[in-house]
Protein backbone atom coordinates (compact mmCIF):
# COMPACT_ATOMS: atom_id res chain seq x y z
CA MET A 1 29.56 14.26 -5.37
CA ARG A 2 31.27 14.08 -8.67
CA ASN A 3 29.39 15.35 -11.70
CA LYS A 4 30.02 12.95 -14.52
CA CYS A 5 28.65 15.30 -17.16
CA THR A 6 31.03 17.43 -19.20
CA PRO A 7 29.50 20.29 -21.20
CA SER A 8 30.96 20.30 -24.70
CA ALA A 9 31.43 23.27 -26.95
CA ALA A 10 28.98 23.86 -29.75
CA ALA A 11 30.49 22.01 -32.67
CA PRO A 12 31.19 22.93 -36.25
CA ALA A 13 30.28 20.24 -38.75
CA VAL A 14 31.54 17.09 -37.05
CA SER A 15 33.30 15.84 -40.16
CA ASP A 16 35.46 18.99 -40.09
CA VAL A 17 36.87 18.26 -36.65
CA THR A 18 37.17 14.46 -36.59
CA ASP A 19 40.66 14.30 -38.08
CA ARG A 20 41.88 17.18 -35.93
CA ARG A 21 40.54 15.53 -32.78
CA ARG A 22 42.15 12.19 -33.65
CA ARG A 23 45.55 13.88 -33.96
CA ARG A 24 45.14 15.91 -30.76
CA GLU A 25 43.84 13.03 -28.65
CA ARG A 26 46.57 10.67 -29.78
CA SER A 27 49.21 13.28 -28.97
CA GLY A 28 47.56 14.12 -25.65
CA ALA A 29 47.75 17.81 -26.48
CA GLY A 30 45.56 20.65 -25.41
CA VAL A 31 43.66 19.08 -22.53
CA LEU A 32 42.42 21.66 -20.05
CA THR A 33 40.14 20.90 -17.12
CA VAL A 34 38.27 23.64 -15.30
CA ARG A 35 36.57 22.69 -12.04
CA ARG A 36 33.98 24.97 -10.48
CA ARG A 37 33.38 24.96 -6.75
CA LEU A 38 29.68 24.35 -7.27
CA GLY A 39 28.90 20.97 -8.74
CA SER A 40 32.31 20.02 -10.15
CA ILE A 41 31.30 20.93 -13.65
CA VAL A 42 34.16 19.87 -15.86
CA VAL A 43 34.99 21.44 -19.20
CA ALA A 44 37.65 19.54 -21.13
CA PHE A 45 39.10 20.95 -24.32
CA ALA A 46 40.24 18.80 -27.25
CA ALA A 47 40.00 15.38 -25.65
CA SER A 48 36.41 15.58 -24.47
CA ILE A 49 34.62 18.16 -26.60
CA ALA A 50 33.13 18.07 -30.05
CA SER A 51 35.47 20.71 -31.45
CA ALA A 52 39.03 21.76 -30.81
CA SER A 53 38.07 25.02 -29.13
CA ILE A 54 35.13 26.57 -27.34
CA LEU A 55 33.16 28.87 -29.58
CA PRO A 56 31.59 32.13 -28.37
CA THR A 57 27.83 31.91 -27.94
CA SER A 58 27.28 34.25 -30.87
CA ALA A 59 29.30 31.99 -33.16
CA ALA A 60 27.49 28.91 -31.91
CA SER A 61 24.10 30.44 -32.66
CA ALA A 62 25.09 31.75 -36.08
CA THR A 63 24.70 28.35 -37.73
CA VAL A 64 21.40 26.49 -37.78
CA TYR A 65 21.86 23.09 -36.14
CA ASP A 66 21.00 20.09 -38.31
CA PRO A 67 20.94 16.74 -36.44
CA ALA A 68 21.13 14.95 -39.80
CA SER A 69 24.71 16.19 -40.24
CA ASP A 70 25.70 15.70 -36.59
CA LEU A 71 27.56 12.41 -36.29
CA TYR A 72 26.93 12.45 -32.52
CA SER A 73 23.19 13.16 -32.68
CA MET A 74 20.86 10.70 -30.98
CA ALA A 75 19.67 9.61 -34.41
CA ALA A 76 23.27 8.64 -35.20
CA VAL A 77 23.95 7.14 -31.77
CA THR A 78 20.87 4.92 -31.72
CA GLN A 79 21.76 3.66 -35.20
CA ARG A 80 25.43 3.15 -34.31
CA THR A 81 24.69 1.27 -31.06
CA GLY A 82 22.14 -1.02 -32.69
CA ALA A 83 19.16 0.24 -30.71
CA THR A 84 17.23 0.76 -33.95
CA ALA A 85 17.46 -2.96 -34.74
CA TRP A 86 15.81 -3.70 -31.40
CA TRP A 87 13.09 -1.16 -32.15
CA ASN A 88 12.43 -2.81 -35.51
CA ALA A 89 12.05 -6.13 -33.70
CA GLY A 90 9.40 -4.58 -31.44
CA TYR A 91 11.51 -3.76 -28.37
CA THR A 92 11.34 -0.10 -27.43
CA GLY A 93 11.48 -0.33 -23.63
CA ARG A 94 7.71 -0.37 -23.23
CA GLY A 95 6.62 -1.59 -19.81
CA VAL A 96 9.99 -0.86 -18.19
CA ASP A 97 10.34 2.03 -15.74
CA VAL A 98 13.72 3.65 -15.07
CA ALA A 99 14.28 5.56 -11.83
CA VAL A 100 16.49 8.58 -12.47
CA ILE A 101 17.93 9.80 -9.17
CA ASP A 102 19.37 13.13 -10.17
CA THR A 103 18.71 16.89 -10.31
CA GLY A 104 15.06 16.50 -11.32
CA ILE A 105 13.51 16.54 -14.77
CA ALA A 106 12.08 19.50 -16.65
CA PRO A 107 9.20 18.67 -19.01
CA VAL A 108 10.92 20.10 -22.06
CA SER A 109 10.06 18.92 -25.55
CA GLY A 110 11.05 15.27 -25.79
CA LEU A 111 10.00 14.53 -22.21
CA ASP A 112 6.62 16.28 -22.16
CA GLY A 113 4.43 13.45 -23.44
CA VAL A 114 1.53 12.39 -21.24
CA GLY A 115 2.76 9.79 -18.75
CA LYS A 116 6.39 9.89 -19.96
CA VAL A 117 7.66 11.10 -16.58
CA ILE A 118 6.33 10.12 -13.17
CA TYR A 119 7.48 12.33 -10.32
CA GLY A 120 8.45 10.54 -7.15
CA PRO A 121 9.16 12.52 -3.99
CA ASP A 122 11.39 15.56 -4.25
CA LEU A 123 14.10 14.97 -1.64
CA SER A 124 16.18 17.99 -2.64
CA LEU A 125 16.69 21.20 -0.72
CA GLU A 126 14.46 22.89 -3.30
CA SER A 127 11.45 20.74 -2.53
CA GLN A 128 9.59 23.44 -0.62
CA ALA A 129 9.70 26.02 -3.40
CA PRO A 130 6.65 25.46 -5.64
CA ASN A 131 8.37 26.85 -8.74
CA MET A 132 11.30 24.44 -8.31
CA ARG A 133 9.70 21.31 -6.91
CA ASN A 134 10.52 18.23 -9.01
CA LEU A 135 11.83 20.41 -11.83
CA ASP A 136 15.42 20.36 -13.00
CA THR A 137 17.08 23.66 -12.13
CA ASN A 138 20.48 22.30 -13.12
CA GLY A 139 19.97 20.49 -16.45
CA HIS A 140 21.82 17.27 -15.68
CA GLY A 141 18.82 15.07 -14.87
CA THR A 142 16.90 16.21 -17.95
CA PHE A 143 19.89 15.40 -20.16
CA MET A 144 20.05 11.88 -18.69
CA ALA A 145 16.32 11.22 -18.98
CA GLY A 146 16.36 12.25 -22.64
CA LEU A 147 19.18 9.86 -23.48
CA ILE A 148 17.40 7.02 -21.73
CA ALA A 149 13.84 7.38 -22.95
CA GLY A 150 13.11 10.75 -24.51
CA HIS A 151 11.25 11.17 -27.77
CA ASP A 152 9.29 13.90 -29.50
CA SER A 153 5.66 13.72 -28.42
CA THR A 154 4.51 13.52 -32.04
CA LEU A 155 6.86 10.62 -32.75
CA THR A 156 5.48 7.10 -32.63
CA SER A 157 6.79 3.66 -33.48
CA PRO A 158 8.52 2.68 -35.76
CA TYR A 159 11.10 5.08 -34.37
CA ALA A 160 13.88 3.83 -36.65
CA THR A 161 12.21 5.33 -39.72
CA ALA A 162 11.77 8.77 -38.17
CA PRO A 163 13.77 11.61 -39.73
CA ALA A 164 17.17 12.41 -38.25
CA THR A 165 15.80 15.73 -37.05
CA ALA A 166 13.54 13.90 -34.58
CA TYR A 167 14.88 13.28 -31.08
CA ARG A 168 14.77 9.81 -29.57
CA GLY A 169 16.54 8.11 -26.65
CA LEU A 170 17.73 4.52 -26.51
CA ALA A 171 14.41 3.18 -25.17
CA PRO A 172 11.80 5.67 -26.39
CA ASP A 173 8.82 3.85 -24.88
CA ALA A 174 10.34 3.29 -21.44
CA ARG A 175 8.98 5.46 -18.65
CA ILE A 176 11.02 7.69 -16.34
CA VAL A 177 10.44 7.90 -12.59
CA ALA A 178 12.14 11.07 -11.40
CA ILE A 179 13.46 11.34 -7.86
CA LYS A 180 15.04 14.74 -7.40
CA VAL A 181 17.83 14.96 -4.84
CA ALA A 182 19.96 17.93 -5.95
CA THR A 183 19.67 21.68 -6.23
CA ALA A 184 20.54 23.95 -9.13
CA ASP A 185 24.25 23.95 -8.40
CA GLY A 186 24.25 20.15 -8.07
CA GLY A 187 24.24 20.23 -4.27
CA THR A 188 23.09 17.12 -2.47
CA ASP A 189 24.19 15.07 0.50
CA VAL A 190 24.83 11.34 0.50
CA THR A 191 21.91 10.90 2.92
CA GLN A 192 19.51 12.29 0.30
CA VAL A 193 20.84 9.89 -2.33
CA ILE A 194 20.63 6.93 0.05
CA ALA A 195 17.08 7.88 1.00
CA ALA A 196 16.16 8.07 -2.70
CA ILE A 197 17.60 4.62 -3.42
CA ASP A 198 15.72 3.20 -0.45
CA TRP A 199 12.51 4.85 -1.64
CA VAL A 200 12.80 3.19 -5.05
CA VAL A 201 13.29 -0.23 -3.43
CA GLN A 202 10.08 0.13 -1.43
CA HIS A 203 7.93 1.73 -4.14
CA LYS A 204 9.14 0.03 -7.31
CA ASN A 205 5.74 -1.54 -8.00
CA ASP A 206 3.40 1.15 -6.64
CA ASN A 207 0.48 2.33 -8.74
CA GLY A 208 1.23 0.12 -11.70
CA MET A 209 4.93 1.02 -11.84
CA ASN A 210 7.58 -1.47 -12.86
CA ILE A 211 10.91 0.06 -11.83
CA ARG A 212 13.57 -2.34 -13.09
CA ILE A 213 16.51 0.07 -13.37
CA ILE A 214 18.07 2.82 -11.26
CA ASN A 215 20.24 5.31 -13.16
CA LEU A 216 22.87 6.97 -10.97
CA SER A 217 24.98 9.33 -13.04
CA TYR A 218 26.64 10.21 -9.78
CA GLY A 219 29.46 9.22 -7.47
CA THR A 220 31.77 10.38 -4.71
CA ASN A 221 35.51 9.98 -4.28
CA SER A 222 35.11 7.93 -1.13
CA LEU A 223 38.12 5.88 -0.03
CA GLN A 224 35.94 3.70 2.20
CA ASN A 225 35.73 -0.03 1.58
CA ALA A 226 32.75 -0.84 -0.63
CA ALA A 227 31.57 -3.55 1.78
CA ALA A 228 31.06 -0.95 4.52
CA ASP A 229 30.24 2.24 2.61
CA PRO A 230 26.60 3.37 3.15
CA ILE A 231 25.94 4.37 -0.49
CA SER A 232 27.52 1.17 -1.76
CA TYR A 233 25.41 -0.82 0.67
CA ALA A 234 22.21 0.96 -0.43
CA VAL A 235 22.72 0.17 -4.13
CA GLU A 236 23.57 -3.43 -3.31
CA GLN A 237 20.26 -3.79 -1.47
CA ALA A 238 18.44 -2.38 -4.50
CA TRP A 239 20.27 -4.96 -6.62
CA ASN A 240 19.22 -7.71 -4.20
CA HIS A 241 15.61 -6.55 -4.58
CA GLY A 242 15.70 -7.14 -8.34
CA ILE A 243 16.62 -3.64 -9.56
CA VAL A 244 19.50 -3.23 -12.02
CA VAL A 245 21.67 -0.37 -10.71
CA VAL A 246 23.68 1.50 -13.34
CA ALA A 247 26.30 3.86 -11.88
CA ALA A 248 28.71 6.17 -13.68
CA ALA A 249 32.33 5.08 -13.27
CA GLY A 250 33.51 8.66 -12.79
CA ASN A 251 35.24 11.33 -14.84
CA THR A 252 38.60 11.25 -13.14
CA GLY A 253 40.42 8.97 -15.55
CA TYR A 254 43.26 7.81 -13.38
CA GLN A 255 45.12 10.54 -11.47
CA ARG A 256 47.59 9.19 -8.97
CA GLY A 257 47.46 11.06 -5.68
CA LYS A 258 44.32 13.04 -6.55
CA GLY A 259 41.34 11.65 -4.67
CA ALA A 260 40.25 8.04 -4.83
CA PRO A 261 41.87 5.97 -7.58
CA GLY A 262 39.62 3.67 -9.54
CA LEU A 263 35.87 3.94 -9.89
CA ALA A 264 33.59 6.34 -8.05
CA ASP A 265 31.34 5.31 -5.17
CA PRO A 266 28.92 3.51 -5.69
CA ALA A 267 30.09 2.25 -9.12
CA TYR A 268 32.89 0.45 -7.29
CA ASN A 269 30.45 -1.90 -5.57
CA PRO A 270 31.23 -5.34 -7.07
CA PHE A 271 27.59 -6.30 -7.66
CA VAL A 272 26.24 -3.26 -9.51
CA ILE A 273 27.10 -2.04 -13.00
CA GLY A 274 29.88 0.56 -13.19
CA VAL A 275 30.00 2.14 -16.67
CA GLY A 276 32.85 3.88 -18.45
CA GLY A 277 32.55 6.01 -21.58
CA TYR A 278 33.98 5.85 -25.10
CA ASP A 279 33.99 7.97 -28.25
CA THR A 280 32.74 6.64 -31.59
CA MET A 281 34.88 9.26 -33.36
CA GLY A 282 31.77 10.08 -35.35
CA THR A 283 31.97 7.00 -37.55
CA ALA A 284 30.01 3.78 -38.01
CA ALA A 285 33.19 1.72 -37.76
CA PHE A 286 34.46 0.18 -34.52
CA ASN A 287 38.16 0.13 -35.34
CA ASP A 288 38.67 3.84 -34.66
CA ASP A 289 36.78 4.00 -31.35
CA ILE A 290 38.73 5.34 -28.39
CA MET A 291 38.13 5.49 -24.65
CA GLY A 292 37.00 8.85 -23.33
CA SER A 293 39.96 10.47 -21.61
CA TYR A 294 37.60 11.33 -18.74
CA SER A 295 36.58 7.73 -18.08
CA ALA A 296 37.71 6.36 -14.72
CA SER A 297 39.53 3.04 -14.61
CA SER A 298 41.25 0.77 -12.11
CA THR A 299 44.69 1.43 -13.62
CA GLY A 300 47.33 1.59 -10.91
CA CYS A 301 45.10 0.94 -7.92
CA GLY A 302 45.81 -2.76 -7.42
CA ALA A 303 43.70 -5.83 -6.81
CA LYS A 304 41.34 -4.06 -4.41
CA CYS A 305 39.89 -1.93 -7.24
CA LYS A 306 37.13 -2.84 -9.65
CA ASN A 307 37.33 -2.39 -13.42
CA PRO A 308 34.41 -0.78 -15.24
CA ASP A 309 32.06 -3.65 -16.05
CA PHE A 310 31.77 -2.39 -19.62
CA VAL A 311 31.56 0.90 -21.51
CA ALA A 312 28.95 2.83 -23.47
CA VAL A 313 28.94 5.83 -25.80
CA GLY A 314 29.63 8.87 -23.65
CA SER A 315 31.27 11.53 -25.81
CA HIS A 316 29.83 14.63 -27.51
CA LEU A 317 26.21 13.53 -27.21
CA GLN A 318 23.17 15.58 -28.17
CA GLY A 319 21.03 16.05 -25.08
CA LEU A 320 17.90 17.96 -24.16
CA ARG A 321 18.65 21.47 -22.90
CA VAL A 322 17.05 23.20 -19.91
CA PRO A 323 17.06 26.92 -20.83
CA ASN A 324 18.40 29.08 -17.99
CA GLY A 325 19.22 26.05 -15.88
CA TYR A 326 22.55 26.14 -14.05
CA LEU A 327 24.50 24.25 -16.72
CA ASP A 328 22.93 26.27 -19.51
CA ALA A 329 23.59 29.63 -17.85
CA ASN A 330 27.13 28.83 -16.75
CA HIS A 331 28.24 26.84 -19.78
CA PRO A 332 26.92 28.49 -22.93
CA GLU A 333 29.67 26.67 -24.84
CA GLY A 334 27.59 23.50 -24.44
CA ARG A 335 24.56 24.91 -26.23
CA ILE A 336 23.88 23.44 -29.65
CA ASP A 337 20.76 25.49 -30.34
CA ILE A 338 17.62 26.58 -28.49
CA ARG A 339 16.66 22.97 -27.76
CA TYR A 340 19.85 20.92 -27.40
CA PHE A 341 22.99 20.82 -25.28
CA ARG A 342 26.15 18.82 -25.97
CA GLY A 343 27.98 16.90 -23.27
CA SER A 344 30.53 14.19 -22.58
CA GLY A 345 31.12 11.98 -19.57
CA THR A 346 30.36 8.75 -17.80
CA SER A 347 27.01 10.30 -16.84
CA MET A 348 26.00 10.02 -20.47
CA ALA A 349 27.45 6.52 -20.74
CA ALA A 350 25.38 5.43 -17.73
CA ALA A 351 22.20 6.83 -19.28
CA VAL A 352 22.89 5.10 -22.63
CA THR A 353 23.41 1.89 -20.66
CA SER A 354 20.14 2.28 -18.75
CA GLY A 355 18.26 2.77 -22.02
CA SER A 356 19.93 -0.29 -23.54
CA ILE A 357 19.00 -2.42 -20.54
CA ALA A 358 15.38 -1.27 -20.80
CA LEU A 359 15.30 -2.83 -24.28
CA ILE A 360 16.79 -6.07 -22.97
CA LEU A 361 14.36 -6.28 -20.05
CA GLN A 362 11.38 -5.78 -22.30
CA LYS A 363 12.50 -8.79 -24.33
CA TYR A 364 13.53 -10.84 -21.29
CA PRO A 365 11.40 -9.55 -18.38
CA SER A 366 12.37 -12.36 -16.02
CA MET A 367 16.10 -11.62 -16.15
CA THR A 368 17.79 -10.96 -12.82
CA PRO A 369 20.25 -8.08 -12.37
CA ASP A 370 23.10 -10.61 -12.24
CA GLN A 371 22.02 -12.07 -15.58
CA VAL A 372 21.72 -8.63 -17.20
CA LYS A 373 25.23 -7.66 -16.13
CA ARG A 374 26.75 -10.96 -17.30
CA PHE A 375 24.79 -10.94 -20.58
CA ILE A 376 26.18 -7.55 -21.60
CA ALA A 377 29.73 -8.01 -20.29
CA ASN A 378 30.22 -11.39 -22.00
CA ASN A 379 29.10 -10.13 -25.40
CA GLY A 380 30.94 -6.85 -25.64
CA GLN A 381 32.88 -5.30 -28.51
CA LYS A 382 36.42 -4.40 -27.43
CA VAL A 383 37.61 -0.81 -27.75
CA PRO A 384 40.81 -1.01 -29.82
CA GLY A 385 43.95 -0.31 -27.86
CA ALA A 386 42.25 -0.14 -24.46
CA ASP A 387 43.01 -2.69 -21.75
CA SER A 388 40.49 -4.40 -19.51
CA GLN A 389 41.24 -2.03 -16.65
CA ALA A 390 39.74 0.78 -18.72
CA GLN A 391 36.91 -0.99 -20.54
CA GLY A 392 36.04 -4.21 -18.70
CA GLY A 393 33.89 -6.27 -21.06
CA GLY A 394 34.06 -3.64 -23.79
CA GLU A 395 31.34 -1.71 -25.63
CA ILE A 396 27.71 -2.72 -25.23
CA ASN A 397 26.98 -4.70 -28.40
CA LEU A 398 23.23 -4.56 -28.94
CA PRO A 399 23.30 -6.18 -32.40
CA LEU A 400 25.09 -9.23 -31.02
CA LEU A 401 22.88 -9.35 -27.91
CA ALA A 402 19.82 -9.51 -30.19
CA THR A 403 21.07 -12.90 -31.39
CA LYS A 404 21.90 -14.33 -27.97
CA THR A 405 19.86 -15.96 -25.22
CA PRO A 406 20.78 -15.07 -21.64
CA ALA A 407 21.98 -17.88 -19.41
CA SER A 408 21.44 -18.43 -15.72
CA TYR A 409 24.04 -16.70 -13.61
CA THR A 410 24.54 -15.66 -10.00
CA GLN A 411 27.36 -13.44 -8.76
CA THR A 412 29.34 -14.87 -5.85
CA PHE A 413 30.90 -11.80 -4.28
CA ALA A 414 30.85 -11.57 -0.50
CA PRO A 415 27.82 -9.48 0.50
CA SER A 416 28.31 -6.03 1.96
CA LYS A 417 27.61 -5.46 5.63
CA GLY A 418 27.23 -1.68 5.60
CA GLY A 419 27.80 0.18 8.83
CA GLY A 420 30.50 2.48 7.46
CA THR A 421 30.57 6.23 7.98
CA LEU A 422 28.61 8.84 6.09
CA GLU A 423 31.54 11.21 6.35
CA ASP A 424 33.86 8.81 4.55
CA ALA A 425 31.15 8.17 1.95
CA ARG A 426 31.06 11.90 1.20
CA GLY A 427 34.74 11.92 0.31
CA SER A 428 35.68 15.52 -0.35
CA ASP A 429 32.15 16.68 -1.18
CA HIS A 430 29.99 18.56 1.31
CA VAL A 431 26.89 20.71 1.35
CA THR A 432 27.51 23.99 3.17
CA ALA A 433 25.48 26.97 4.30
CA ASN A 434 26.75 30.26 5.63
CA GLY A 435 30.16 28.70 5.90
CA VAL A 436 28.91 25.75 7.98
CA ILE A 437 29.59 22.31 6.53
CA LEU A 438 27.20 19.37 6.81
CA ALA A 439 29.58 16.73 8.09
CA GLY A 440 29.77 13.74 10.38
CA GLU A 441 27.13 11.11 11.00
CA GLN A 442 24.04 13.23 10.44
CA ASP A 443 21.50 13.55 7.69
CA VAL A 444 20.08 16.67 6.06
CA PHE A 445 17.72 17.12 9.01
CA GLY A 446 20.59 17.15 11.46
CA ARG A 447 19.57 13.76 12.85
CA THR A 448 22.20 11.20 13.73
CA VAL A 449 22.28 8.24 11.37
CA ASP A 450 23.19 4.87 12.84
CA THR A 451 24.35 3.17 9.66
CA LYS A 452 24.43 -0.29 11.25
CA LYS A 453 20.76 -0.04 12.24
CA LEU A 454 19.93 1.54 8.91
CA ALA A 455 21.53 -1.41 7.11
CA LEU A 456 19.16 -3.83 8.81
CA VAL A 457 15.99 -2.06 7.66
CA GLN A 458 17.44 -1.48 4.19
CA ALA A 459 18.04 -5.20 3.78
CA ALA A 460 14.41 -5.77 4.76
CA GLY A 461 13.25 -3.06 2.36
CA SER A 462 11.62 -1.07 5.14
CA SER A 463 13.76 2.01 5.82
CA TRP A 464 10.85 4.27 4.80
CA SER A 465 7.69 4.37 6.89
CA GLY A 466 5.20 6.41 4.93
CA GLY A 467 6.96 9.72 4.38
CA THR A 468 9.46 9.16 7.19
CA TRP A 469 13.10 8.13 6.78
CA ASN A 470 15.54 8.03 9.70
CA GLY A 471 12.89 9.53 11.95
CA SER A 472 12.19 12.63 9.87
CA THR A 473 9.28 13.50 7.61
CA TRP A 474 10.27 14.19 4.02
CA SER A 475 7.07 15.62 2.62
CA GLY A 476 8.22 16.49 -0.90
CA SER A 477 5.30 17.05 -3.24
CA SER A 478 3.98 13.54 -3.68
CA TRP A 479 3.36 12.37 -0.16
CA SER A 480 -0.18 12.30 1.15
CA GLY A 481 -0.23 11.13 4.72
CA SER A 482 1.50 7.77 4.83
CA THR A 483 1.18 6.82 1.18
CA TRP A 484 2.68 7.98 -2.08
CA SER A 485 0.29 8.93 -4.83
CA GLY A 486 2.65 10.05 -7.58
CA SER A 487 2.09 12.59 -10.30
CA THR A 488 2.75 12.81 -14.02
CA TRP A 489 3.28 15.68 -16.40
CA SER A 490 0.05 15.85 -18.37
CA GLY A 491 0.38 19.15 -20.20
CA SER A 492 1.21 19.42 -23.87
CA THR A 493 3.60 22.35 -23.63
CA TRP A 494 5.98 23.85 -21.16
CA SER A 495 7.00 27.47 -21.45
CA GLY A 496 9.41 27.70 -18.56
CA SER A 497 7.40 30.48 -16.96
CA THR A 498 8.29 29.27 -13.47
CA TRP A 499 11.98 29.89 -14.08
CA SER A 500 13.17 33.19 -12.71
CA GLY A 501 16.51 34.70 -13.59
CA SER A 502 19.27 33.26 -15.68
CA THR A 503 21.24 31.61 -12.90
CA TRP A 504 20.41 29.46 -9.90
CA SER A 505 22.59 30.22 -6.92
CA GLY A 506 20.27 29.14 -4.13
CA SER A 507 19.46 32.76 -3.25
CA SER A 508 15.75 32.01 -3.09
CA TRP A 509 16.39 29.88 -0.03
CA SER A 510 16.46 32.66 2.53
CA GLY A 511 14.22 34.38 5.01
CA SER A 512 12.37 31.35 6.31
CA THR A 513 13.35 28.84 8.91
CA TRP A 514 14.20 25.19 9.25
CA SER A 515 12.13 23.72 12.02
CA GLY A 516 12.83 20.43 13.73
CA SER A 517 12.55 17.29 11.65
CA THR A 518 9.98 18.23 9.01
CA TRP A 519 10.11 20.33 5.87
CA SER A 520 8.63 23.72 6.59
CA GLY A 521 8.66 27.08 4.93
CA SER A 522 10.27 27.80 1.61
CA SER A 523 13.91 28.02 2.57
CA TRP A 524 16.69 26.33 4.45
CA SER A 525 18.38 28.42 7.08
CA GLY A 526 19.30 28.44 10.71
CA SER A 527 22.30 27.67 12.82
CA THR A 528 23.56 24.57 11.08
CA TRP A 529 23.36 24.44 7.29
CA SER A 530 20.92 25.31 4.50
CA GLY A 531 22.34 23.81 1.34
CA SER A 532 22.97 27.20 -0.21
CA SER A 533 26.29 26.15 -1.65
CA TRP A 534 28.10 23.03 -2.73
CA SER A 535 31.74 22.12 -2.56
CA GLY A 536 33.16 19.32 -4.63
CA GLY A 537 31.34 17.58 -7.42
CA THR A 538 29.75 14.19 -7.74
CA TRP A 539 27.36 14.35 -10.68
CA SER A 540 29.17 12.45 -13.37
């Protein structure tokens, strides 16, 4: 799966690099992409980072970070996007729950308020390790959750008047429902993601929840037709059940002959929202905005490909850092200070979109997913110099949307039938263990998946039976018998004492056994696969 998050180097004062970056991006110079085998973590110099070169960690830590002077801080981004105007009108995302299907969420400052995060089942290969369960050992999921709905626990409404040093996401009073599917190195299988989507559909209103949005900062380079693809089908069923699905378009730009052209899977599904990313260039003006060079588009792939539906801020953003998580340990150039991490990508753009939609749904709670998509796309602000294949409806324009009333609308695309192959849905990305690849039409338990039969129960919203999906018991940490009870982070501090070591390579998953079709022991091993490594990258 493709990771749509790009760690960015710690930046000097943003004003010092803006002119340099404009010149370099317009000339196309100095772009270097480094792909790691685990998690497809992408580091792009010049075109996608906040400074022209990566600084050593010592240099990055020599200067005290001041969000007030950071033109890409969340204080600046929420002002620039118009979220603050919605807050001042009383819309902060309250009452809207956003399901973040990702690498888990760590209760770091900004996400540690009582009731801010609800933990759904942990469907990752780390679910049986008590010191990892639900928690984000990678850093990606925490970054996304902060952009969507994070805020300092001492911060209360009116958020717009808070000092620039305070952290706040787009919808600071929305609630996050975390469904962890990936390990520290980003490893997950498409069957885990599909199971997570299905779980949200069936439990969206459990225990007082109101899950209206799924954030998927994730995608594969599948070449399979969207109407048949199993992940595409799963998100379409969520959409049909009243959940707005926001999926990252992908960080591939357009590279002819290198993987799937166009948008990632499932952003390429015609019903759901596929989001590209743009750069504000650190100014309040719109006329100097540019598309992120990473942002996938339909350029060159013909009529069969979908454009991004619209674009959101995705470049150089200030996110919450997970100390000693995989991203933090392997990409020190992304560290801003002890609390924050800088990143670019369509992952970030998807999260900004999810937060924006939470504001809209608080104001208009009866809106359907079709109406939400149309409302935003028809009122966008065009990115100068970018065609529709790159930006779709343009930038999300929250100030304009605040003056508009949504109209009735129903999309008329032909519905998907599902029934495609899991192997094609994986594209080039596979979980492996001891050199053995998880491939073919089997899930993480080694059980055969009949995608045609699965499609029938997904359409009915009944693919889960208690804690069982596709005939296997996924116990996670939140299942009690046949019901889900949920859990929230209720502490006031988090010291990270459960983290061991500075890197997460999956080495703790050894010595125990994988037995049959239930989770048992504290590791994944045996004759097939254990998820100890990850090839490819799908987290955007």
